[in-house]
Amino acid sequence: MSSLFCSVQNNFQVLQSTFRMGSNAVARFSIGAPDMKHAAKLMLIAFFLFLAAKSAVAGPFSMVCHFPSKNCGSEVTDIVSDRFTSRYPSSKWQIVVLAEFTPYSNGGGVGYAIAGVSRKISSPQSATQALVPHQRFVSTSRRVGRNILASEAVEETIQLVREALEQMVVACENTSNCNVE
């Protein structure tokens, strides 16, 4: 789904567009040029760059989430790399994440996320059960001060998950054989 809007601002033709691909890829562009022909060319270039960036997202991966998640794994699709999914195909491996953020009753809160990769178990419960990863990547957070709403606690948890997975993917990228298991 895309939208396009044209306007004239300060003698410049301004072309504004929103591109959507899937549920989590959105790009908004606002391009100004001396005339609409130049603005359209720049917009086309921006669109192709957006498509190239979107296609650089890694292949499929399996993930077991033990944290509040609307769609397990959707929060981290931009973090997992092609190298990681090549080394750990979803048919045999799964990313395992345990995370929580607990608000304090008097303000602030504390949270953690533990991420790793383990062999996929072959059982009907494999979507919700996993082996504990041998090598684990941890992110922690402590907030002080104001009271934290439940929705903010969920956002904090997802941020911690992203940080732990970033550590794992960076470790994969920095080793010769992506050994993070």
N, C-alpha and C. Protein backbone atom coordinates (compact mmCIF):
# COMPACT_ATOMS: atom_id res chain seq x y z
N MET A 1 0.85 -1.17 0.00
CA MET A 1 0.00 0.00 0.00
C MET A 1 0.89 1.23 0.00
N SER A 2 0.61 2.16 -0.85
CA SER A 2 1.40 3.38 -0.95
C SER A 2 0.47 4.57 -1.05
N SER A 3 0.99 5.72 -0.65
CA SER A 3 0.24 6.96 -0.84
C SER A 3 1.18 7.99 -1.42
N LEU A 4 0.63 8.93 -2.17
CA LEU A 4 1.43 9.95 -2.83
C LEU A 4 0.71 11.29 -2.68
N PHE A 5 1.47 12.34 -2.36
CA PHE A 5 0.89 13.66 -2.16
C PHE A 5 1.84 14.68 -2.77
N CYS A 6 1.32 15.57 -3.58
CA CYS A 6 2.14 16.62 -4.21
C CYS A 6 1.71 17.98 -3.69
N SER A 7 2.67 18.90 -3.52
CA SER A 7 2.35 20.26 -3.11
C SER A 7 3.47 21.19 -3.60
N VAL A 8 3.21 22.49 -3.51
CA VAL A 8 4.21 23.48 -3.85
C VAL A 8 4.53 24.27 -2.58
N GLN A 9 5.82 24.28 -2.20
CA GLN A 9 6.25 25.00 -1.01
C GLN A 9 7.51 25.78 -1.36
N ASN A 10 7.48 27.08 -1.15
CA ASN A 10 8.64 27.95 -1.42
C ASN A 10 9.19 27.74 -2.83
N ASN A 11 8.31 27.74 -3.82
CA ASN A 11 8.68 27.56 -5.23
C ASN A 11 9.33 26.21 -5.52
N PHE A 12 9.18 25.25 -4.65
CA PHE A 12 9.68 23.90 -4.89
C PHE A 12 8.48 22.96 -5.03
N GLN A 13 8.59 22.04 -5.95
CA GLN A 13 7.60 20.97 -6.06
C GLN A 13 7.97 19.95 -4.99
N VAL A 14 7.06 19.66 -4.10
CA VAL A 14 7.34 18.71 -3.03
C VAL A 14 6.48 17.48 -3.24
N LEU A 15 7.13 16.36 -3.29
CA LEU A 15 6.47 15.08 -3.48
C LEU A 15 6.62 14.30 -2.18
N GLN A 16 5.51 13.95 -1.57
CA GLN A 16 5.53 13.19 -0.32
C GLN A 16 4.91 11.84 -0.59
N SER A 17 5.52 10.79 -0.06
CA SER A 17 5.01 9.46 -0.29
C SER A 17 5.24 8.58 0.93
N THR A 18 4.36 7.61 1.11
CA THR A 18 4.50 6.60 2.14
C THR A 18 4.45 5.24 1.46
N PHE A 19 5.47 4.41 1.69
CA PHE A 19 5.51 3.07 1.13
C PHE A 19 5.36 2.09 2.28
N ARG A 20 4.54 1.07 2.07
CA ARG A 20 4.37 0.02 3.08
C ARG A 20 4.59 -1.34 2.42
N MET A 21 5.35 -2.17 3.10
CA MET A 21 5.55 -3.54 2.63
C MET A 21 5.39 -4.45 3.84
N GLY A 22 4.41 -5.30 3.85
CA GLY A 22 4.18 -6.17 4.99
C GLY A 22 3.65 -5.36 6.15
N SER A 23 3.82 -5.91 7.35
CA SER A 23 3.25 -5.25 8.51
C SER A 23 4.23 -4.34 9.22
N ASN A 24 5.56 -4.48 8.93
CA ASN A 24 6.50 -3.71 9.73
C ASN A 24 7.46 -2.85 8.92
N ALA A 25 7.31 -2.79 7.63
CA ALA A 25 8.21 -1.98 6.82
C ALA A 25 7.47 -0.76 6.30
N VAL A 26 7.87 0.40 6.75
CA VAL A 26 7.24 1.64 6.34
C VAL A 26 8.33 2.65 6.03
N ALA A 27 8.18 3.37 4.95
CA ALA A 27 9.12 4.43 4.62
C ALA A 27 8.32 5.66 4.21
N ARG A 28 8.69 6.79 4.75
CA ARG A 28 8.03 8.04 4.39
C ARG A 28 9.09 8.96 3.78
N PHE A 29 8.76 9.51 2.64
CA PHE A 29 9.69 10.38 1.95
C PHE A 29 9.01 11.71 1.67
N SER A 30 9.77 12.77 1.78
CA SER A 30 9.31 14.09 1.38
C SER A 30 10.47 14.70 0.60
N ILE A 31 10.28 14.88 -0.68
CA ILE A 31 11.37 15.31 -1.56
C ILE A 31 10.97 16.59 -2.27
N GLY A 32 11.85 17.57 -2.21
CA GLY A 32 11.62 18.82 -2.90
C GLY A 32 12.60 19.00 -4.05
N ALA A 33 12.12 19.53 -5.15
CA ALA A 33 12.96 19.76 -6.32
C ALA A 33 12.39 20.96 -7.08
N PRO A 34 13.21 21.56 -8.00
CA PRO A 34 12.74 22.73 -8.74
C PRO A 34 11.50 22.47 -9.59
N ASP A 35 11.31 21.22 -10.03
CA ASP A 35 10.11 20.90 -10.80
C ASP A 35 9.67 19.47 -10.49
N MET A 36 8.48 19.13 -10.90
CA MET A 36 7.90 17.83 -10.57
C MET A 36 8.67 16.69 -11.21
N LYS A 37 9.26 16.91 -12.37
CA LYS A 37 10.03 15.86 -13.04
C LYS A 37 11.21 15.43 -12.18
N HIS A 38 11.94 16.41 -11.62
CA HIS A 38 13.07 16.09 -10.76
C HIS A 38 12.61 15.44 -9.46
N ALA A 39 11.52 15.95 -8.91
CA ALA A 39 10.99 15.37 -7.67
C ALA A 39 10.57 13.92 -7.88
N ALA A 40 9.94 13.63 -9.02
CA ALA A 40 9.52 12.26 -9.31
C ALA A 40 10.72 11.33 -9.48
N LYS A 41 11.78 11.80 -10.13
CA LYS A 41 12.99 10.99 -10.27
C LYS A 41 13.61 10.68 -8.92
N LEU A 42 13.69 11.70 -8.05
CA LEU A 42 14.25 11.49 -6.72
C LEU A 42 13.39 10.52 -5.91
N MET A 43 12.07 10.63 -6.06
CA MET A 43 11.17 9.73 -5.35
C MET A 43 11.35 8.29 -5.82
N LEU A 44 11.52 8.10 -7.11
CA LEU A 44 11.73 6.77 -7.66
C LEU A 44 13.03 6.17 -7.12
N ILE A 45 14.07 6.96 -7.05
CA ILE A 45 15.34 6.49 -6.49
C ILE A 45 15.15 6.11 -5.02
N ALA A 46 14.46 6.94 -4.26
CA ALA A 46 14.21 6.65 -2.85
C ALA A 46 13.41 5.35 -2.70
N PHE A 47 12.42 5.14 -3.57
CA PHE A 47 11.62 3.93 -3.50
C PHE A 47 12.48 2.69 -3.75
N PHE A 48 13.36 2.74 -4.75
CA PHE A 48 14.21 1.58 -5.03
C PHE A 48 15.22 1.33 -3.91
N LEU A 49 15.70 2.38 -3.29
CA LEU A 49 16.58 2.20 -2.13
C LEU A 49 15.81 1.55 -0.98
N PHE A 50 14.56 1.94 -0.79
CA PHE A 50 13.72 1.33 0.23
C PHE A 50 13.53 -0.16 -0.05
N LEU A 51 13.24 -0.51 -1.31
CA LEU A 51 13.07 -1.92 -1.67
C LEU A 51 14.35 -2.71 -1.42
N ALA A 52 15.49 -2.12 -1.75
CA ALA A 52 16.77 -2.80 -1.54
C ALA A 52 17.01 -3.04 -0.05
N ALA A 53 16.72 -2.06 0.77
CA ALA A 53 16.91 -2.20 2.21
C ALA A 53 15.97 -3.26 2.77
N LYS A 54 14.73 -3.29 2.31
CA LYS A 54 13.76 -4.26 2.79
C LYS A 54 14.17 -5.67 2.39
N SER A 55 14.72 -5.85 1.22
CA SER A 55 15.11 -7.18 0.77
C SER A 55 16.35 -7.69 1.48
N ALA A 56 17.05 -6.83 2.22
CA ALA A 56 18.24 -7.25 2.92
C ALA A 56 17.92 -7.92 4.25
N VAL A 57 16.65 -8.00 4.62
CA VAL A 57 16.26 -8.66 5.86
C VAL A 57 16.53 -10.14 5.73
N ALA A 58 16.97 -10.76 6.81
CA ALA A 58 17.38 -12.16 6.80
C ALA A 58 16.23 -13.10 6.47
N GLY A 59 16.61 -14.34 6.19
CA GLY A 59 15.64 -15.37 5.89
C GLY A 59 14.86 -15.79 7.11
N PRO A 60 14.07 -16.84 6.98
CA PRO A 60 13.22 -17.27 8.08
C PRO A 60 14.01 -17.76 9.28
N PHE A 61 13.48 -17.52 10.46
CA PHE A 61 14.08 -18.05 11.67
C PHE A 61 12.96 -18.44 12.61
N SER A 62 13.27 -19.37 13.49
CA SER A 62 12.31 -19.85 14.46
C SER A 62 12.66 -19.24 15.81
N MET A 63 11.64 -18.82 16.56
CA MET A 63 11.90 -18.14 17.82
C MET A 63 10.88 -18.57 18.86
N VAL A 64 11.36 -18.87 20.05
CA VAL A 64 10.49 -19.17 21.18
C VAL A 64 10.57 -17.98 22.12
N CYS A 65 9.43 -17.36 22.39
CA CYS A 65 9.38 -16.14 23.19
C CYS A 65 8.77 -16.41 24.55
N HIS A 66 9.50 -16.07 25.57
CA HIS A 66 8.98 -16.10 26.93
C HIS A 66 9.00 -14.66 27.44
N PHE A 67 8.18 -13.84 26.80
CA PHE A 67 7.96 -12.44 27.17
C PHE A 67 6.69 -11.98 26.47
N PRO A 68 6.08 -10.88 26.93
CA PRO A 68 4.85 -10.42 26.28
C PRO A 68 5.12 -10.01 24.83
N SER A 69 4.53 -10.74 23.90
CA SER A 69 4.75 -10.48 22.48
C SER A 69 3.47 -10.74 21.71
N LYS A 70 3.08 -9.78 20.87
CA LYS A 70 1.90 -9.97 20.04
C LYS A 70 2.14 -11.04 18.98
N ASN A 71 3.34 -11.03 18.41
CA ASN A 71 3.70 -11.97 17.37
C ASN A 71 5.17 -12.31 17.56
N CYS A 72 5.43 -13.40 18.22
CA CYS A 72 6.80 -13.78 18.58
C CYS A 72 7.76 -13.66 17.40
N GLY A 73 8.76 -12.85 17.56
CA GLY A 73 9.78 -12.67 16.52
C GLY A 73 9.58 -11.45 15.64
N SER A 74 8.36 -10.93 15.57
CA SER A 74 8.12 -9.80 14.67
C SER A 74 8.86 -8.55 15.11
N GLU A 75 9.19 -8.45 16.40
CA GLU A 75 9.87 -7.26 16.91
C GLU A 75 11.35 -7.21 16.53
N VAL A 76 11.89 -8.33 16.01
CA VAL A 76 13.34 -8.40 15.79
C VAL A 76 13.73 -8.82 14.38
N THR A 77 12.79 -8.82 13.45
CA THR A 77 13.12 -9.28 12.09
C THR A 77 14.22 -8.46 11.45
N ASP A 78 14.36 -7.20 11.84
CA ASP A 78 15.40 -6.35 11.25
C ASP A 78 16.77 -6.59 11.88
N ILE A 79 16.85 -7.34 12.96
CA ILE A 79 18.12 -7.57 13.65
C ILE A 79 18.81 -8.85 13.17
N VAL A 80 18.04 -9.91 12.98
CA VAL A 80 18.61 -11.21 12.61
C VAL A 80 19.20 -11.13 11.21
N SER A 81 20.45 -11.57 11.07
CA SER A 81 21.18 -11.41 9.81
C SER A 81 21.08 -12.65 8.91
N ASP A 82 21.40 -12.47 7.64
CA ASP A 82 21.45 -13.58 6.69
C ASP A 82 22.49 -14.60 7.13
N ARG A 83 23.61 -14.12 7.63
CA ARG A 83 24.66 -15.04 8.08
C ARG A 83 24.15 -15.91 9.21
N PHE A 84 23.41 -15.32 10.13
CA PHE A 84 22.85 -16.08 11.24
C PHE A 84 21.87 -17.14 10.73
N THR A 85 20.93 -16.76 9.86
CA THR A 85 19.94 -17.72 9.39
C THR A 85 20.55 -18.78 8.49
N SER A 86 21.68 -18.48 7.84
CA SER A 86 22.38 -19.50 7.05
C SER A 86 23.02 -20.53 7.96
N ARG A 87 23.61 -20.07 9.06
CA ARG A 87 24.28 -20.96 10.00
C ARG A 87 23.28 -21.72 10.87
N TYR A 88 22.17 -21.10 11.19
CA TYR A 88 21.16 -21.71 12.06
C TYR A 88 19.80 -21.73 11.36
N PRO A 89 19.60 -22.68 10.42
CA PRO A 89 18.32 -22.74 9.70
C PRO A 89 17.16 -23.05 10.65
N SER A 90 16.02 -22.48 10.35
CA SER A 90 14.85 -22.61 11.23
C SER A 90 14.33 -24.04 11.34
N SER A 91 14.74 -24.91 10.43
CA SER A 91 14.30 -26.31 10.50
C SER A 91 14.99 -27.07 11.63
N LYS A 92 16.17 -26.59 12.06
CA LYS A 92 16.94 -27.31 13.08
C LYS A 92 17.23 -26.50 14.34
N TRP A 93 17.15 -25.18 14.23
CA TRP A 93 17.55 -24.32 15.34
C TRP A 93 16.43 -23.33 15.67
N GLN A 94 16.47 -22.81 16.88
CA GLN A 94 15.53 -21.76 17.25
C GLN A 94 16.19 -20.78 18.20
N ILE A 95 15.78 -19.55 18.07
CA ILE A 95 16.22 -18.51 18.99
C ILE A 95 15.31 -18.62 20.21
N VAL A 96 15.93 -18.58 21.38
CA VAL A 96 15.17 -18.67 22.63
C VAL A 96 15.37 -17.37 23.39
N VAL A 97 14.27 -16.76 23.81
CA VAL A 97 14.34 -15.49 24.53
C VAL A 97 13.48 -15.55 25.78
N LEU A 98 14.09 -15.20 26.90
CA LEU A 98 13.38 -15.03 28.17
C LEU A 98 13.55 -13.57 28.55
N ALA A 99 12.46 -12.89 28.86
CA ALA A 99 12.57 -11.47 29.18
C ALA A 99 11.41 -11.03 30.06
N GLU A 100 11.69 -9.97 30.82
CA GLU A 100 10.66 -9.42 31.69
C GLU A 100 11.10 -8.03 32.14
N PHE A 101 10.14 -7.15 32.30
CA PHE A 101 10.37 -5.86 32.93
C PHE A 101 9.33 -5.70 34.02
N THR A 102 9.77 -5.49 35.24
CA THR A 102 8.87 -5.38 36.39
C THR A 102 8.89 -3.97 36.94
N PRO A 103 7.76 -3.26 36.85
CA PRO A 103 7.70 -1.92 37.44
C PRO A 103 7.64 -2.02 38.97
N TYR A 104 8.30 -1.08 39.64
CA TYR A 104 8.21 -0.99 41.09
C TYR A 104 6.95 -0.22 41.46
N SER A 105 6.37 -0.53 42.60
CA SER A 105 5.16 0.16 43.02
C SER A 105 5.43 1.62 43.38
N ASN A 106 6.67 1.93 43.75
CA ASN A 106 7.01 3.31 44.12
C ASN A 106 7.73 4.06 42.99
N GLY A 107 7.65 3.56 41.77
CA GLY A 107 8.26 4.23 40.62
C GLY A 107 9.48 3.48 40.12
N GLY A 108 9.73 3.59 38.84
CA GLY A 108 10.86 2.91 38.23
C GLY A 108 10.58 1.44 38.01
N GLY A 109 11.62 0.67 37.76
CA GLY A 109 11.47 -0.75 37.53
C GLY A 109 12.78 -1.37 37.10
N VAL A 110 12.77 -2.67 36.95
CA VAL A 110 13.96 -3.40 36.56
C VAL A 110 13.57 -4.46 35.54
N GLY A 111 14.47 -4.74 34.60
CA GLY A 111 14.16 -5.73 33.57
C GLY A 111 15.40 -6.43 33.06
N TYR A 112 15.17 -7.53 32.36
CA TYR A 112 16.25 -8.30 31.77
C TYR A 112 15.75 -8.99 30.51
N ALA A 113 16.68 -9.37 29.66
CA ALA A 113 16.40 -10.23 28.52
C ALA A 113 17.59 -11.16 28.34
N ILE A 114 17.31 -12.43 28.13
CA ILE A 114 18.34 -13.43 27.89
C ILE A 114 18.01 -14.07 26.55
N ALA A 115 18.96 -14.05 25.64
CA ALA A 115 18.74 -14.61 24.30
C ALA A 115 19.85 -15.60 23.97
N GLY A 116 19.51 -16.57 23.17
CA GLY A 116 20.48 -17.55 22.71
C GLY A 116 19.86 -18.39 21.61
N VAL A 117 20.65 -19.32 21.10
CA VAL A 117 20.15 -20.21 20.06
C VAL A 117 20.36 -21.64 20.54
N SER A 118 19.35 -22.49 20.31
CA SER A 118 19.46 -23.89 20.71
C SER A 118 18.84 -24.78 19.64
N ARG A 119 19.20 -26.06 19.70
CA ARG A 119 18.61 -27.01 18.76
C ARG A 119 17.11 -27.08 18.98
N LYS A 120 16.39 -27.17 17.89
CA LYS A 120 14.94 -27.27 17.96
C LYS A 120 14.57 -28.66 18.49
N ILE A 121 13.65 -28.70 19.41
CA ILE A 121 13.19 -29.99 19.90
C ILE A 121 12.06 -30.48 19.02
N SER A 122 11.99 -31.80 18.86
CA SER A 122 10.94 -32.35 18.01
C SER A 122 9.82 -32.87 18.90
N SER A 123 8.88 -31.99 19.16
CA SER A 123 7.70 -32.35 19.94
C SER A 123 6.58 -31.42 19.54
N PRO A 124 5.35 -31.80 19.86
CA PRO A 124 4.22 -30.92 19.52
C PRO A 124 4.31 -29.55 20.22
N GLN A 125 5.05 -29.45 21.32
CA GLN A 125 5.17 -28.20 22.06
C GLN A 125 6.38 -27.38 21.63
N SER A 126 7.01 -27.70 20.52
CA SER A 126 8.25 -27.01 20.14
C SER A 126 8.07 -25.52 19.90
N ALA A 127 6.83 -25.06 19.68
CA ALA A 127 6.60 -23.62 19.51
C ALA A 127 6.65 -22.88 20.83
N THR A 128 6.46 -23.59 21.93
CA THR A 128 6.47 -22.93 23.24
C THR A 128 7.53 -23.46 24.18
N GLN A 129 8.18 -24.56 23.83
CA GLN A 129 9.22 -25.13 24.67
C GLN A 129 10.53 -25.16 23.91
N ALA A 130 11.61 -25.01 24.65
CA ALA A 130 12.92 -25.01 24.00
C ALA A 130 13.98 -25.45 24.99
N LEU A 131 15.09 -25.88 24.46
CA LEU A 131 16.25 -26.19 25.29
C LEU A 131 16.89 -24.88 25.73
N VAL A 132 17.47 -24.88 26.91
CA VAL A 132 18.16 -23.68 27.38
C VAL A 132 19.43 -23.52 26.55
N PRO A 133 19.63 -22.35 25.95
CA PRO A 133 20.85 -22.13 25.15
C PRO A 133 22.10 -22.22 26.01
N HIS A 134 23.13 -22.85 25.46
CA HIS A 134 24.40 -22.96 26.18
C HIS A 134 25.05 -21.58 26.34
N GLN A 135 25.15 -20.86 25.24
CA GLN A 135 25.72 -19.51 25.27
C GLN A 135 24.56 -18.52 25.29
N ARG A 136 24.58 -17.60 26.24
CA ARG A 136 23.47 -16.66 26.41
C ARG A 136 23.97 -15.22 26.32
N PHE A 137 23.12 -14.38 25.77
CA PHE A 137 23.42 -12.97 25.63
C PHE A 137 22.39 -12.21 26.45
N VAL A 138 22.87 -11.33 27.32
CA VAL A 138 22.01 -10.72 28.34
C VAL A 138 22.00 -9.21 28.21
N SER A 139 20.83 -8.64 28.43
CA SER A 139 20.66 -7.20 28.51
C SER A 139 19.83 -6.92 29.75
N THR A 140 20.24 -5.92 30.51
CA THR A 140 19.49 -5.55 31.72
C THR A 140 19.21 -4.06 31.72
N SER A 141 18.21 -3.68 32.50
CA SER A 141 17.83 -2.27 32.58
C SER A 141 17.25 -1.98 33.96
N ARG A 142 17.58 -0.82 34.46
CA ARG A 142 17.00 -0.35 35.72
C ARG A 142 16.55 1.08 35.50
N ARG A 143 15.30 1.34 35.73
CA ARG A 143 14.74 2.68 35.58
C ARG A 143 14.36 3.19 36.97
N VAL A 144 14.62 4.44 37.22
CA VAL A 144 14.26 5.05 38.50
C VAL A 144 13.37 6.26 38.23
N GLY A 145 12.63 6.64 39.27
CA GLY A 145 11.83 7.85 39.12
C GLY A 145 10.36 7.55 39.00
N ARG A 146 9.79 8.02 37.93
CA ARG A 146 8.33 8.02 37.76
C ARG A 146 7.77 6.60 37.63
N ASN A 147 6.47 6.50 37.86
CA ASN A 147 5.77 5.23 37.70
C ASN A 147 5.75 4.82 36.24
N ILE A 148 5.87 3.54 36.00
CA ILE A 148 5.91 3.02 34.64
C ILE A 148 4.59 2.29 34.37
N LEU A 149 3.95 2.68 33.28
CA LEU A 149 2.68 2.06 32.87
C LEU A 149 2.94 0.66 32.32
N ALA A 150 1.90 -0.17 32.28
CA ALA A 150 2.03 -1.52 31.76
C ALA A 150 2.51 -1.51 30.30
N SER A 151 1.99 -0.58 29.50
CA SER A 151 2.41 -0.50 28.09
C SER A 151 3.88 -0.12 27.97
N GLU A 152 4.35 0.74 28.88
CA GLU A 152 5.77 1.11 28.88
C GLU A 152 6.64 -0.06 29.31
N ALA A 153 6.14 -0.89 30.21
CA ALA A 153 6.88 -2.08 30.64
C ALA A 153 7.05 -3.05 29.47
N VAL A 154 6.01 -3.18 28.65
CA VAL A 154 6.10 -4.04 27.46
C VAL A 154 7.13 -3.47 26.49
N GLU A 155 7.11 -2.15 26.26
CA GLU A 155 8.09 -1.51 25.38
C GLU A 155 9.51 -1.70 25.90
N GLU A 156 9.69 -1.55 27.21
CA GLU A 156 11.02 -1.77 27.83
C GLU A 156 11.48 -3.20 27.61
N THR A 157 10.56 -4.16 27.77
CA THR A 157 10.90 -5.57 27.57
C THR A 157 11.34 -5.81 26.14
N ILE A 158 10.59 -5.29 25.19
CA ILE A 158 10.95 -5.48 23.78
C ILE A 158 12.30 -4.83 23.47
N GLN A 159 12.58 -3.68 24.04
CA GLN A 159 13.88 -3.03 23.84
C GLN A 159 15.00 -3.90 24.40
N LEU A 160 14.79 -4.48 25.56
CA LEU A 160 15.79 -5.38 26.15
C LEU A 160 16.01 -6.60 25.27
N VAL A 161 14.93 -7.17 24.73
CA VAL A 161 15.03 -8.31 23.82
C VAL A 161 15.86 -7.92 22.60
N ARG A 162 15.57 -6.78 22.03
CA ARG A 162 16.31 -6.31 20.85
C ARG A 162 17.81 -6.17 21.17
N GLU A 163 18.13 -5.61 22.34
CA GLU A 163 19.53 -5.43 22.72
C GLU A 163 20.24 -6.77 22.90
N ALA A 164 19.58 -7.74 23.53
CA ALA A 164 20.20 -9.06 23.72
C ALA A 164 20.41 -9.75 22.37
N LEU A 165 19.42 -9.67 21.48
CA LEU A 165 19.58 -10.28 20.16
C LEU A 165 20.64 -9.58 19.32
N GLU A 166 20.75 -8.26 19.45
CA GLU A 166 21.81 -7.54 18.75
C GLU A 166 23.17 -8.05 19.19
N GLN A 167 23.35 -8.29 20.49
CA GLN A 167 24.62 -8.83 20.99
C GLN A 167 24.91 -10.19 20.33
N MET A 168 23.88 -11.04 20.23
CA MET A 168 24.06 -12.36 19.64
C MET A 168 24.43 -12.27 18.16
N VAL A 169 23.73 -11.42 17.43
CA VAL A 169 24.00 -11.29 16.00
C VAL A 169 25.39 -10.67 15.76
N VAL A 170 25.77 -9.70 16.57
CA VAL A 170 27.11 -9.11 16.46
C VAL A 170 28.18 -10.17 16.74
N ALA A 171 27.96 -11.00 17.75
CA ALA A 171 28.90 -12.08 18.05
C ALA A 171 28.99 -13.05 16.88
N CYS A 172 27.86 -13.34 16.25
CA CYS A 172 27.84 -14.20 15.06
C CYS A 172 28.67 -13.58 13.94
N GLU A 173 28.46 -12.29 13.71
CA GLU A 173 29.17 -11.60 12.63
C GLU A 173 30.67 -11.50 12.90
N ASN A 174 31.06 -11.49 14.18
CA ASN A 174 32.47 -11.30 14.53
C ASN A 174 33.25 -12.59 14.68
N THR A 175 32.62 -13.75 14.49
CA THR A 175 33.35 -15.01 14.55
C THR A 175 33.41 -15.61 13.16
N SER A 176 34.43 -16.41 12.91
CA SER A 176 34.63 -16.94 11.57
C SER A 176 33.51 -17.90 11.14
N ASN A 177 32.92 -18.65 12.09
CA ASN A 177 31.88 -19.60 11.71
C ASN A 177 30.54 -19.30 12.38
N CYS A 178 30.34 -18.08 12.85
CA CYS A 178 29.07 -17.66 13.46
C CYS A 178 28.69 -18.59 14.62
N ASN A 179 29.66 -18.92 15.44
CA ASN A 179 29.41 -19.86 16.54
C ASN A 179 28.88 -19.13 17.77
N VAL A 180 27.56 -19.12 17.92
CA VAL A 180 26.93 -18.50 19.09
C VAL A 180 26.03 -19.48 19.83
N GLU A 181 26.21 -20.78 19.55
CA GLU A 181 25.35 -21.78 20.20
C GLU A 181 25.91 -22.23 21.53
